[in-house]
Amino acid sequence: MTIFPIGVVKFAGEISEIELFPQYTQGLKGVRETETLQILYWMHNLTEDDRNALLAHPRGDRARPKRGVFLLRSPMRPNPIGSSKVEFVKREKNSLFVRGLDALEGSPVIDIKCGP
């Protein structure tokens, strides 16, 4: 199985910029303000140990007992795919500006979906 990034997070902040690679820009046709989008991205800063961990403390709080990573929003997981529900702000050429993105600068974007 191969996953191809369609873009990259260029700036992560209150308003984040996602730069789509030119060959995928046409996929944004019709996006509108007030649109809610689901951004899927690869959590690229994880180590091999992070990817092999199947137990983690909820919210990193060591006072709480470990739980299975599939029951948590922990970034530590076998396939570190992150997901953020965001508010579309604007589009400039092949850049998408959104509010609410929970990704780091440099994170590869692997998909964008229209969301409720």
PDB file of N, CA and C in Angstrom:
ATOM      1  N   MET A   1       0.847  -1.171   0.000  1.00  0.00           N
ATOM      2  CA  MET A   1       0.000   0.000   0.000  1.00  0.00           C
ATOM      3  C   MET A   1       0.892   1.233   0.000  1.00  0.00           C
ATOM      4  N   THR A   2       0.521   2.203  -0.795  1.00  0.00           N
ATOM      5  CA  THR A   2       1.278   3.447  -0.875  1.00  0.00           C
ATOM      6  C   THR A   2       0.329   4.618  -0.688  1.00  0.00           C
ATOM      7  N   ILE A   3       0.748   5.561   0.139  1.00  0.00           N
ATOM      8  CA  ILE A   3      -0.011   6.795   0.335  1.00  0.00           C
ATOM      9  C   ILE A   3       0.833   7.933  -0.210  1.00  0.00           C
ATOM     10  N   PHE A   4       0.229   8.754  -1.061  1.00  0.00           N
ATOM     11  CA  PHE A   4       0.932   9.887  -1.651  1.00  0.00           C
ATOM     12  C   PHE A   4       0.455  11.177  -1.000  1.00  0.00           C
ATOM     13  N   PRO A   5       1.367  12.025  -0.540  1.00  0.00           N
ATOM     14  CA  PRO A   5       0.928  13.321  -0.025  1.00  0.00           C
ATOM     15  C   PRO A   5       0.393  14.183  -1.167  1.00  0.00           C
ATOM     16  N   ILE A   6      -0.630  14.976  -0.846  1.00  0.00           N
ATOM     17  CA  ILE A   6      -1.203  15.887  -1.840  1.00  0.00           C
ATOM     18  C   ILE A   6      -0.771  17.324  -1.582  1.00  0.00           C
ATOM     19  N   GLY A   7      -0.117  17.541  -0.450  1.00  0.00           N
ATOM     20  CA  GLY A   7       0.337  18.876  -0.090  1.00  0.00           C
ATOM     21  C   GLY A   7       1.085  18.836   1.225  1.00  0.00           C
ATOM     22  N   VAL A   8       1.330  20.026   1.773  1.00  0.00           N
ATOM     23  CA  VAL A   8       2.099  20.133   3.012  1.00  0.00           C
ATOM     24  C   VAL A   8       1.585  21.326   3.816  1.00  0.00           C
ATOM     25  N   VAL A   9       1.640  21.194   5.138  1.00  0.00           N
ATOM     26  CA  VAL A   9       1.287  22.316   6.007  1.00  0.00           C
ATOM     27  C   VAL A   9       2.453  23.292   5.979  1.00  0.00           C
ATOM     28  N   LYS A  10       2.216  24.498   5.457  1.00  0.00           N
ATOM     29  CA  LYS A  10       3.279  25.504   5.336  1.00  0.00           C
ATOM     30  C   LYS A  10       3.374  26.375   6.574  1.00  0.00           C
ATOM     31  N   PHE A  11       2.251  26.620   7.219  1.00  0.00           N
ATOM     32  CA  PHE A  11       2.244  27.434   8.430  1.00  0.00           C
ATOM     33  C   PHE A  11       1.157  26.889   9.336  1.00  0.00           C
ATOM     34  N   ALA A  12       1.523  26.590  10.574  1.00  0.00           N
ATOM     35  CA  ALA A  12       0.552  26.094  11.545  1.00  0.00           C
ATOM     36  C   ALA A  12       0.336  27.169  12.600  1.00  0.00           C
ATOM     37  N   GLY A  13      -0.873  27.614  12.754  1.00  0.00           N
ATOM     38  CA  GLY A  13      -1.212  28.649  13.728  1.00  0.00           C
ATOM     39  C   GLY A  13      -2.716  28.779  13.809  1.00  0.00           C
ATOM     40  N   GLU A  14      -3.188  29.924  14.308  1.00  0.00           N
ATOM     41  CA  GLU A  14      -4.637  30.125  14.387  1.00  0.00           C
ATOM     42  C   GLU A  14      -5.260  29.971  12.999  1.00  0.00           C
ATOM     43  N   ILE A  15      -4.638  30.606  12.014  1.00  0.00           N
ATOM     44  CA  ILE A  15      -4.994  30.380  10.609  1.00  0.00           C
ATOM     45  C   ILE A  15      -3.807  29.647   9.999  1.00  0.00           C
ATOM     46  N   SER A  16      -4.038  28.445   9.509  1.00  0.00           N
ATOM     47  CA  SER A  16      -2.963  27.629   8.946  1.00  0.00           C
ATOM     48  C   SER A  16      -3.038  27.626   7.430  1.00  0.00           C
ATOM     49  N   GLU A  17      -1.880  27.484   6.808  1.00  0.00           N
ATOM     50  CA  GLU A  17      -1.811  27.403   5.351  1.00  0.00           C
ATOM     51  C   GLU A  17      -1.433  25.991   4.942  1.00  0.00           C
ATOM     52  N   ILE A  18      -2.221  25.446   4.045  1.00  0.00           N
ATOM     53  CA  ILE A  18      -1.920  24.155   3.431  1.00  0.00           C
ATOM     54  C   ILE A  18      -1.611  24.433   1.971  1.00  0.00           C
ATOM     55  N   GLU A  19      -0.413  24.075   1.543  1.00  0.00           N
ATOM     56  CA  GLU A  19      -0.045  24.248   0.139  1.00  0.00           C
ATOM     57  C   GLU A  19      -0.250  22.923  -0.575  1.00  0.00           C
ATOM     58  N   LEU A  20      -1.193  22.902  -1.514  1.00  0.00           N
ATOM     59  CA  LEU A  20      -1.414  21.706  -2.318  1.00  0.00           C
ATOM     60  C   LEU A  20      -0.400  21.660  -3.443  1.00  0.00           C
ATOM     61  N   PHE A  21       0.050  20.472  -3.774  1.00  0.00           N
ATOM     62  CA  PHE A  21       0.936  20.324  -4.914  1.00  0.00           C
ATOM     63  C   PHE A  21       0.118  20.627  -6.175  1.00  0.00           C
ATOM     64  N   PRO A  22       0.743  21.278  -7.173  1.00  0.00           N
ATOM     65  CA  PRO A  22       0.009  21.761  -8.351  1.00  0.00           C
ATOM     66  C   PRO A  22      -0.899  20.725  -9.012  1.00  0.00           C
ATOM     67  N   GLN A  23      -0.475  19.479  -9.077  1.00  0.00           N
ATOM     68  CA  GLN A  23      -1.286  18.465  -9.763  1.00  0.00           C
ATOM     69  C   GLN A  23      -2.592  18.144  -9.030  1.00  0.00           C
ATOM     70  N   TYR A  24      -2.760  18.605  -7.782  1.00  0.00           N
ATOM     71  CA  TYR A  24      -3.978  18.325  -7.018  1.00  0.00           C
ATOM     72  C   TYR A  24      -4.866  19.556  -6.828  1.00  0.00           C
ATOM     73  N   THR A  25      -4.433  20.714  -7.304  1.00  0.00           N
ATOM     74  CA  THR A  25      -5.164  21.963  -7.085  1.00  0.00           C
ATOM     75  C   THR A  25      -6.583  21.907  -7.639  1.00  0.00           C
ATOM     76  N   GLN A  26      -6.776  21.257  -8.760  1.00  0.00           N
ATOM     77  CA  GLN A  26      -8.101  21.167  -9.381  1.00  0.00           C
ATOM     78  C   GLN A  26      -9.115  20.513  -8.433  1.00  0.00           C
ATOM     79  N   GLY A  27      -8.625  19.708  -7.498  1.00  0.00           N
ATOM     80  CA  GLY A  27      -9.506  19.050  -6.533  1.00  0.00           C
ATOM     81  C   GLY A  27     -10.167  20.001  -5.551  1.00  0.00           C
ATOM     82  N   LEU A  28      -9.749  21.272  -5.545  1.00  0.00           N
ATOM     83  CA  LEU A  28     -10.362  22.278  -4.671  1.00  0.00           C
ATOM     84  C   LEU A  28     -11.495  23.043  -5.348  1.00  0.00           C
ATOM     85  N   LYS A  29     -11.747  22.744  -6.614  1.00  0.00           N
ATOM     86  CA  LYS A  29     -12.773  23.489  -7.348  1.00  0.00           C
ATOM     87  C   LYS A  29     -14.114  23.395  -6.620  1.00  0.00           C
ATOM     88  N   GLY A  30     -14.692  24.564  -6.346  1.00  0.00           N
ATOM     89  CA  GLY A  30     -15.998  24.619  -5.701  1.00  0.00           C
ATOM     90  C   GLY A  30     -15.958  24.799  -4.192  1.00  0.00           C
ATOM     91  N   VAL A  31     -14.763  24.788  -3.590  1.00  0.00           N
ATOM     92  CA  VAL A  31     -14.700  24.980  -2.138  1.00  0.00           C
ATOM     93  C   VAL A  31     -15.195  26.386  -1.802  1.00  0.00           C
ATOM     94  N   ARG A  32     -15.989  26.488  -0.728  1.00  0.00           N
ATOM     95  CA  ARG A  32     -16.612  27.767  -0.372  1.00  0.00           C
ATOM     96  C   ARG A  32     -16.306  28.131   1.075  1.00  0.00           C
ATOM     97  N   GLU A  33     -16.334  29.449   1.329  1.00  0.00           N
ATOM     98  CA  GLU A  33     -16.263  29.896   2.716  1.00  0.00           C
ATOM     99  C   GLU A  33     -17.470  29.303   3.436  1.00  0.00           C
ATOM    100  N   THR A  34     -17.389  29.141   4.702  1.00  0.00           N
ATOM    101  CA  THR A  34     -18.378  28.472   5.559  1.00  0.00           C
ATOM    102  C   THR A  34     -18.291  26.956   5.435  1.00  0.00           C
ATOM    103  N   GLU A  35     -17.430  26.477   4.567  1.00  0.00           N
ATOM    104  CA  GLU A  35     -17.261  25.039   4.374  1.00  0.00           C
ATOM    105  C   GLU A  35     -16.478  24.457   5.555  1.00  0.00           C
ATOM    106  N   THR A  36     -16.929  23.327   6.049  1.00  0.00           N
ATOM    107  CA  THR A  36     -16.165  22.579   7.042  1.00  0.00           C
ATOM    108  C   THR A  36     -15.443  21.470   6.299  1.00  0.00           C
ATOM    109  N   LEU A  37     -14.150  21.340   6.563  1.00  0.00           N
ATOM    110  CA  LEU A  37     -13.336  20.339   5.880  1.00  0.00           C
ATOM    111  C   LEU A  37     -12.681  19.415   6.893  1.00  0.00           C
ATOM    112  N   GLN A  38     -12.409  18.210   6.471  1.00  0.00           N
ATOM    113  CA  GLN A  38     -11.653  17.253   7.271  1.00  0.00           C
ATOM    114  C   GLN A  38     -10.290  17.114   6.595  1.00  0.00           C
ATOM    115  N   ILE A  39      -9.232  17.442   7.329  1.00  0.00           N
ATOM    116  CA  ILE A  39      -7.878  17.352   6.798  1.00  0.00           C
ATOM    117  C   ILE A  39      -7.212  16.124   7.396  1.00  0.00           C
ATOM    118  N   LEU A  40      -6.724  15.244   6.546  1.00  0.00           N
ATOM    119  CA  LEU A  40      -5.965  14.074   6.992  1.00  0.00           C
ATOM    120  C   LEU A  40      -4.501  14.334   6.688  1.00  0.00           C
ATOM    121  N   TYR A  41      -3.655  14.098   7.668  1.00  0.00           N
ATOM    122  CA  TYR A  41      -2.235  14.389   7.509  1.00  0.00           C
ATOM    123  C   TYR A  41      -1.399  13.318   8.194  1.00  0.00           C
ATOM    124  N   TRP A  42      -0.148  13.240   7.792  1.00  0.00           N
ATOM    125  CA  TRP A  42       0.792  12.266   8.338  1.00  0.00           C
ATOM    126  C   TRP A  42       1.583  12.939   9.456  1.00  0.00           C
ATOM    127  N   MET A  43       1.541  12.347  10.657  1.00  0.00           N
ATOM    128  CA  MET A  43       2.280  12.901  11.798  1.00  0.00           C
ATOM    129  C   MET A  43       3.743  12.482  11.659  1.00  0.00           C
ATOM    130  N   HIS A  44       4.482  13.263  10.913  1.00  0.00           N
ATOM    131  CA  HIS A  44       5.811  12.910  10.421  1.00  0.00           C
ATOM    132  C   HIS A  44       6.928  12.969  11.456  1.00  0.00           C
ATOM    133  N   ASN A  45       6.699  13.544  12.611  1.00  0.00           N
ATOM    134  CA  ASN A  45       7.774  13.686  13.598  1.00  0.00           C
ATOM    135  C   ASN A  45       7.871  12.524  14.575  1.00  0.00           C
ATOM    136  N   LEU A  46       7.113  11.475  14.375  1.00  0.00           N
ATOM    137  CA  LEU A  46       7.135  10.354  15.309  1.00  0.00           C
ATOM    138  C   LEU A  46       8.309   9.420  15.038  1.00  0.00           C
ATOM    139  N   THR A  47       8.811   8.832  16.117  1.00  0.00           N
ATOM    140  CA  THR A  47       9.904   7.863  16.006  1.00  0.00           C
ATOM    141  C   THR A  47       9.330   6.469  15.769  1.00  0.00           C
ATOM    142  N   GLU A  48      10.203   5.535  15.458  1.00  0.00           N
ATOM    143  CA  GLU A  48       9.779   4.141  15.287  1.00  0.00           C
ATOM    144  C   GLU A  48       9.184   3.606  16.592  1.00  0.00           C
ATOM    145  N   ASP A  49       9.762   4.000  17.731  1.00  0.00           N
ATOM    146  CA  ASP A  49       9.217   3.579  19.031  1.00  0.00           C
ATOM    147  C   ASP A  49       7.797   4.105  19.224  1.00  0.00           C
ATOM    148  N   ASP A  50       7.566   5.368  18.833  1.00  0.00           N
ATOM    149  CA  ASP A  50       6.218   5.939  18.930  1.00  0.00           C
ATOM    150  C   ASP A  50       5.228   5.126  18.105  1.00  0.00           C
ATOM    151  N   ARG A  51       5.660   4.686  16.940  1.00  0.00           N
ATOM    152  CA  ARG A  51       4.770   3.938  16.044  1.00  0.00           C
ATOM    153  C   ARG A  51       4.521   2.521  16.529  1.00  0.00           C
ATOM    154  N   ASN A  52       5.402   2.005  17.378  1.00  0.00           N
ATOM    155  CA  ASN A  52       5.229   0.656  17.910  1.00  0.00           C
ATOM    156  C   ASN A  52       4.472   0.632  19.228  1.00  0.00           C
ATOM    157  N   ALA A  53       4.274   1.783  19.845  1.00  0.00           N
ATOM    158  CA  ALA A  53       3.575   1.853  21.134  1.00  0.00           C
ATOM    159  C   ALA A  53       2.085   1.589  20.931  1.00  0.00           C
ATOM    160  N   LEU A  54       1.542   0.694  21.718  1.00  0.00           N
ATOM    161  CA  LEU A  54       0.114   0.400  21.642  1.00  0.00           C
ATOM    162  C   LEU A  54      -0.633   0.857  22.890  1.00  0.00           C
ATOM    163  N   LEU A  55       0.111   1.330  23.887  1.00  0.00           N
ATOM    164  CA  LEU A  55      -0.480   1.858  25.115  1.00  0.00           C
ATOM    165  C   LEU A  55       0.071   3.250  25.367  1.00  0.00           C
ATOM    166  N   ALA A  56      -0.771   4.136  25.882  1.00  0.00           N
ATOM    167  CA  ALA A  56      -0.335   5.500  26.194  1.00  0.00           C
ATOM    168  C   ALA A  56      -1.201   6.060  27.313  1.00  0.00           C
ATOM    169  N   HIS A  57      -0.652   7.034  28.027  1.00  0.00           N
ATOM    170  CA  HIS A  57      -1.419   7.730  29.054  1.00  0.00           C
ATOM    171  C   HIS A  57      -2.350   8.732  28.364  1.00  0.00           C
ATOM    172  N   PRO A  58      -3.635   8.766  28.734  1.00  0.00           N
ATOM    173  CA  PRO A  58      -4.540   9.751  28.140  1.00  0.00           C
ATOM    174  C   PRO A  58      -4.001  11.170  28.326  1.00  0.00           C
ATOM    175  N   ARG A  59      -3.962  11.911  27.233  1.00  0.00           N
ATOM    176  CA  ARG A  59      -3.468  13.298  27.207  1.00  0.00           C
ATOM    177  C   ARG A  59      -2.053  13.426  27.766  1.00  0.00           C
ATOM    178  N   GLY A  60      -1.293  12.325  27.747  1.00  0.00           N
ATOM    179  CA  GLY A  60       0.087  12.348  28.236  1.00  0.00           C
ATOM    180  C   GLY A  60       0.200  12.486  29.742  1.00  0.00           C
ATOM    181  N   ASP A  61      -0.909  12.354  30.452  1.00  0.00           N
ATOM    182  CA  ASP A  61      -0.948  12.508  31.909  1.00  0.00           C
ATOM    183  C   ASP A  61      -0.555  11.194  32.572  1.00  0.00           C
ATOM    184  N   ARG A  62       0.666  11.132  33.076  1.00  0.00           N
ATOM    185  CA  ARG A  62       1.184   9.900  33.679  1.00  0.00           C
ATOM    186  C   ARG A  62       0.435   9.492  34.948  1.00  0.00           C
ATOM    187  N   ALA A  63      -0.364  10.386  35.521  1.00  0.00           N
ATOM    188  CA  ALA A  63      -1.169  10.046  36.696  1.00  0.00           C
ATOM    189  C   ALA A  63      -2.367   9.176  36.303  1.00  0.00           C
ATOM    190  N   ARG A  64      -2.702   9.178  35.018  1.00  0.00           N
ATOM    191  CA  ARG A  64      -3.824   8.369  34.532  1.00  0.00           C
ATOM    192  C   ARG A  64      -3.290   7.061  33.961  1.00  0.00           C
ATOM    193  N   PRO A  65      -4.017   5.963  34.169  1.00  0.00           N
ATOM    194  CA  PRO A  65      -3.531   4.668  33.666  1.00  0.00           C
ATOM    195  C   PRO A  65      -3.479   4.637  32.137  1.00  0.00           C
ATOM    196  N   LYS A  66      -2.545   3.850  31.626  1.00  0.00           N
ATOM    197  CA  LYS A  66      -2.418   3.702  30.175  1.00  0.00           C
ATOM    198  C   LYS A  66      -3.652   3.023  29.602  1.00  0.00           C
ATOM    199  N   ARG A  67      -3.961   3.420  28.370  1.00  0.00           N
ATOM    200  CA  ARG A  67      -5.058   2.812  27.617  1.00  0.00           C
ATOM    201  C   ARG A  67      -4.542   2.470  26.228  1.00  0.00           C
ATOM    202  N   GLY A  68      -5.302   1.683  25.508  1.00  0.00           N
ATOM    203  CA  GLY A  68      -4.938   1.347  24.138  1.00  0.00           C
ATOM    204  C   GLY A  68      -4.994   2.572  23.240  1.00  0.00           C
ATOM    205  N   VAL A  69      -4.020   2.704  22.344  1.00  0.00           N
ATOM    206  CA  VAL A  69      -3.942   3.903  21.495  1.00  0.00           C
ATOM    207  C   VAL A  69      -5.147   4.058  20.565  1.00  0.00           C
ATOM    208  N   PHE A  70      -5.835   2.965  20.262  1.00  0.00           N
ATOM    209  CA  PHE A  70      -6.997   3.071  19.378  1.00  0.00           C
ATOM    210  C   PHE A  70      -8.191   3.705  20.090  1.00  0.00           C
ATOM    211  N   LEU A  71      -8.093   3.865  21.401  1.00  0.00           N
ATOM    212  CA  LEU A  71      -9.147   4.498  22.188  1.00  0.00           C
ATOM    213  C   LEU A  71      -8.794   5.930  22.555  1.00  0.00           C
ATOM    214  N   LEU A  72      -7.657   6.403  22.084  1.00  0.00           N
ATOM    215  CA  LEU A  72      -7.153   7.732  22.424  1.00  0.00           C
ATOM    216  C   LEU A  72      -6.918   8.556  21.164  1.00  0.00           C
ATOM    217  N   ARG A  73      -6.725   9.844  21.366  1.00  0.00           N
ATOM    218  CA  ARG A  73      -6.320  10.720  20.264  1.00  0.00           C
ATOM    219  C   ARG A  73      -4.806  10.885  20.252  1.00  0.00           C
ATOM    220  N   SER A  74      -4.116   9.973  20.884  1.00  0.00           N
ATOM    221  CA  SER A  74      -2.658  10.020  20.965  1.00  0.00           C
ATOM    222  C   SER A  74      -2.043   9.953  19.570  1.00  0.00           C
ATOM    223  N   PRO A  75      -0.986  10.722  19.329  1.00  0.00           N
ATOM    224  CA  PRO A  75      -0.304  10.616  18.038  1.00  0.00           C
ATOM    225  C   PRO A  75       0.485   9.313  17.917  1.00  0.00           C
ATOM    226  N   MET A  76       0.779   8.676  19.045  1.00  0.00           N
ATOM    227  CA  MET A  76       1.542   7.427  19.014  1.00  0.00           C
ATOM    228  C   MET A  76       0.614   6.303  18.569  1.00  0.00           C
ATOM    229  N   ARG A  77       0.888   5.780  17.380  1.00  0.00           N
ATOM    230  CA  ARG A  77       0.061   4.711  16.816  1.00  0.00           C
ATOM    231  C   ARG A  77       0.788   4.102  15.626  1.00  0.00           C
ATOM    232  N   PRO A  78       0.403   2.889  15.221  1.00  0.00           N
ATOM    233  CA  PRO A  78       1.109   2.219  14.124  1.00  0.00           C
ATOM    234  C   PRO A  78       1.111   3.014  12.818  1.00  0.00           C
ATOM    235  N   ASN A  79      -0.015   3.606  12.471  1.00  0.00           N
ATOM    236  CA  ASN A  79      -0.118   4.440  11.272  1.00  0.00           C
ATOM    237  C   ASN A  79      -0.470   5.847  11.739  1.00  0.00           C
ATOM    238  N   PRO A  80       0.516   6.725  11.834  1.00  0.00           N
ATOM    239  CA  PRO A  80       0.292   8.036  12.440  1.00  0.00           C
ATOM    240  C   PRO A  80      -0.444   9.010  11.520  1.00  0.00           C
ATOM    241  N   ILE A  81      -1.716   8.702  11.294  1.00  0.00           N
ATOM    242  CA  ILE A  81      -2.559   9.564  10.473  1.00  0.00           C
ATOM    243  C   ILE A  81      -3.334  10.479  11.405  1.00  0.00           C
ATOM    244  N   GLY A  82      -3.140  11.778  11.236  1.00  0.00           N
ATOM    245  CA  GLY A  82      -3.871  12.764  12.022  1.00  0.00           C
ATOM    246  C   GLY A  82      -5.088  13.239  11.255  1.00  0.00           C
ATOM    247  N   SER A  83      -6.083  13.702  11.994  1.00  0.00           N
ATOM    248  CA  SER A  83      -7.322  14.167  11.394  1.00  0.00           C
ATOM    249  C   SER A  83      -7.775  15.419  12.130  1.00  0.00           C
ATOM    250  N   SER A  84      -8.078  16.468  11.378  1.00  0.00           N
ATOM    251  CA  SER A  84      -8.582  17.710  11.966  1.00  0.00           C
ATOM    252  C   SER A  84      -9.799  18.194  11.203  1.00  0.00           C
ATOM    253  N   LYS A  85     -10.844  18.516  11.945  1.00  0.00           N
ATOM    254  CA  LYS A  85     -12.016  19.167  11.362  1.00  0.00           C
ATOM    255  C   LYS A  85     -11.718  20.660  11.398  1.00  0.00           C
ATOM    256  N   VAL A  86     -11.718  21.310  10.241  1.00  0.00           N
ATOM    257  CA  VAL A  86     -11.318  22.714  10.148  1.00  0.00           C
ATOM    258  C   VAL A  86     -12.389  23.546   9.447  1.00  0.00           C
ATOM    259  N   GLU A  87     -12.263  24.847   9.636  1.00  0.00           N
ATOM    260  CA  GLU A  87     -13.127  25.810   8.958  1.00  0.00           C
ATOM    261  C   GLU A  87     -12.334  26.430   7.814  1.00  0.00           C
ATOM    262  N   PHE A  88     -12.879  26.365   6.619  1.00  0.00           N
ATOM    263  CA  PHE A  88     -12.248  26.981   5.454  1.00  0.00           C
ATOM    264  C   PHE A  88     -12.302  28.494   5.610  1.00  0.00           C
ATOM    265  N   VAL A  89     -11.164  29.162   5.392  1.00  0.00           N
ATOM    266  CA  VAL A  89     -11.095  30.622   5.486  1.00  0.00           C
ATOM    267  C   VAL A  89     -11.009  31.239   4.094  1.00  0.00           C
ATOM    268  N   LYS A  90     -10.008  30.812   3.316  1.00  0.00           N
ATOM    269  CA  LYS A  90      -9.867  31.334   1.952  1.00  0.00           C
ATOM    270  C   LYS A  90      -8.929  30.434   1.163  1.00  0.00           C
ATOM    271  N   ARG A  91      -8.944  30.675  -0.141  1.00  0.00           N
ATOM    272  CA  ARG A  91      -8.040  29.969  -1.049  1.00  0.00           C
ATOM    273  C   ARG A  91      -7.293  31.000  -1.867  1.00  0.00           C
ATOM    274  N   GLU A  92      -5.987  30.803  -2.008  1.00  0.00           N
ATOM    275  CA  GLU A  92      -5.154  31.625  -2.889  1.00  0.00           C
ATOM    276  C   GLU A  92      -4.328  30.678  -3.746  1.00  0.00           C
ATOM    277  N   LYS A  93      -4.660  30.622  -5.024  1.00  0.00           N
ATOM    278  CA  LYS A  93      -4.000  29.717  -5.969  1.00  0.00           C
ATOM    279  C   LYS A  93      -4.024  28.295  -5.423  1.00  0.00           C
ATOM    280  N   ASN A  94      -2.850  27.713  -5.132  1.00  0.00           N
ATOM    281  CA  ASN A  94      -2.838  26.330  -4.652  1.00  0.00           C
ATOM    282  C   ASN A  94      -2.698  26.249  -3.129  1.00  0.00           C
ATOM    283  N   SER A  95      -2.946  27.370  -2.437  1.00  0.00           N
ATOM    284  CA  SER A  95      -2.906  27.378  -0.973  1.00  0.00           C
ATOM    285  C   SER A  95      -4.310  27.492  -0.399  1.00  0.00           C
ATOM    286  N   LEU A  96      -4.543  26.706   0.627  1.00  0.00           N
ATOM    287  CA  LEU A  96      -5.806  26.681   1.344  1.00  0.00           C
ATOM    288  C   LEU A  96      -5.529  27.207   2.746  1.00  0.00           C
ATOM    289  N   PHE A  97      -6.309  28.177   3.199  1.00  0.00           N
ATOM    290  CA  PHE A  97      -6.146  28.735   4.538  1.00  0.00           C
ATOM    291  C   PHE A  97      -7.325  28.270   5.383  1.00  0.00           C
ATOM    292  N   VAL A  98      -7.020  27.685   6.537  1.00  0.00           N
ATOM    293  CA  VAL A  98      -8.050  27.082   7.378  1.00  0.00           C
ATOM    294  C   VAL A  98      -7.842  27.475   8.840  1.00  0.00           C
ATOM    295  N   ARG A  99      -8.908  27.371   9.606  1.00  0.00           N
ATOM    296  CA  ARG A  99      -8.864  27.627  11.045  1.00  0.00           C
ATOM    297  C   ARG A  99      -9.139  26.307  11.771  1.00  0.00           C
ATOM    298  N   GLY A 100      -8.292  25.987  12.773  1.00  0.00           N
ATOM    299  CA  GLY A 100      -8.539  24.802  13.594  1.00  0.00           C
ATOM    300  C   GLY A 100      -7.688  23.593  13.249  1.00  0.00           C
ATOM    301  N   LEU A 101      -6.659  23.768  12.442  1.00  0.00           N
ATOM    302  CA  LEU A 101      -5.811  22.641  12.052  1.00  0.00           C
ATOM    303  C   LEU A 101      -4.880  22.260  13.197  1.00  0.00           C
ATOM    304  N   ASP A 102      -4.904  20.993  13.559  1.00  0.00           N
ATOM    305  CA  ASP A 102      -4.082  20.475  14.651  1.00  0.00           C
ATOM    306  C   ASP A 102      -2.923  19.668  14.064  1.00  0.00           C
ATOM    307  N   ALA A 103      -2.101  20.327  13.256  1.00  0.00           N
ATOM    308  CA  ALA A 103      -0.960  19.666  12.608  1.00  0.00           C
ATOM    309  C   ALA A 103       0.251  20.568  12.744  1.00  0.00           C
ATOM    310  N   LEU A 104       1.417  19.969  12.632  1.00  0.00           N
ATOM    311  CA  LEU A 104       2.657  20.730  12.717  1.00  0.00           C
ATOM    312  C   LEU A 104       3.085  21.219  11.339  1.00  0.00           C
ATOM    313  N   GLU A 105       3.814  22.319  11.331  1.00  0.00           N
ATOM    314  CA  GLU A 105       4.389  22.811  10.089  1.00  0.00           C
ATOM    315  C   GLU A 105       5.251  21.708   9.482  1.00  0.00           C
ATOM    316  N   GLY A 106       5.099  21.495   8.190  1.00  0.00           N
ATOM    317  CA  GLY A 106       5.850  20.455   7.496  1.00  0.00           C
ATOM    318  C   GLY A 106       5.118  19.129   7.409  1.00  0.00           C
ATOM    319  N   SER A 107       3.964  19.007   8.076  1.00  0.00           N
ATOM    320  CA  SER A 107       3.206  17.752   8.019  1.00  0.00           C
ATOM    321  C   SER A 107       2.692  17.513   6.605  1.00  0.00           C
ATOM    322  N   PRO A 108       2.933  16.322   6.044  1.00  0.00           N
ATOM    323  CA  PRO A 108       2.371  16.000   4.742  1.00  0.00           C
ATOM    324  C   PRO A 108       0.848  15.849   4.846  1.00  0.00           C
ATOM    325  N   VAL A 109       0.125  16.492   3.951  1.00  0.00           N
ATOM    326  CA  VAL A 109      -1.331  16.360   3.891  1.00  0.00           C
ATOM    327  C   VAL A 109      -1.632  15.210   2.942  1.00  0.00           C
ATOM    328  N   ILE A 110      -2.456  14.260   3.409  1.00  0.00           N
ATOM    329  CA  ILE A 110      -2.719  13.081   2.579  1.00  0.00           C
ATOM    330  C   ILE A 110      -4.137  13.050   2.005  1.00  0.00           C
ATOM    331  N   ASP A 111      -5.047  13.876   2.554  1.00  0.00           N
ATOM    332  CA  ASP A 111      -6.385  13.948   1.966  1.00  0.00           C
ATOM    333  C   ASP A 111      -7.151  15.125   2.560  1.00  0.00           C
ATOM    334  N   ILE A 112      -8.119  15.604   1.805  1.00  0.00           N
ATOM    335  CA  ILE A 112      -9.041  16.643   2.246  1.00  0.00           C
ATOM    336  C   ILE A 112     -10.433  16.154   1.888  1.00  0.00           C
ATOM    337  N   LYS A 113     -11.324  16.198   2.862  1.00  0.00           N
ATOM    338  CA  LYS A 113     -12.697  15.756   2.632  1.00  0.00           C
ATOM    339  C   LYS A 113     -13.661  16.835   3.094  1.00  0.00           C
ATOM    340  N   CYS A 114     -14.791  16.906   2.427  1.00  0.00           N
ATOM    341  CA  CYS A 114     -15.854  17.798   2.860  1.00  0.00           C
ATOM    342  C   CYS A 114     -16.465  17.190   4.119  1.00  0.00           C
ATOM    343  N   GLY A 115     -16.715  18.020   5.113  1.00  0.00           N
ATOM    344  CA  GLY A 115     -17.243  17.485   6.369  1.00  0.00           C
ATOM    345  C   GLY A 115     -18.500  18.197   6.812  1.00  0.00           C
ATOM    346  N   PRO A 116     -19.225  17.560   7.709  1.00  0.00           N
ATOM    347  CA  PRO A 116     -20.463  18.178   8.221  1.00  0.00           C
ATOM    348  C   PRO A 116     -20.161  19.356   9.117  1.00  0.00           C
TER     349      PRO A 116
END
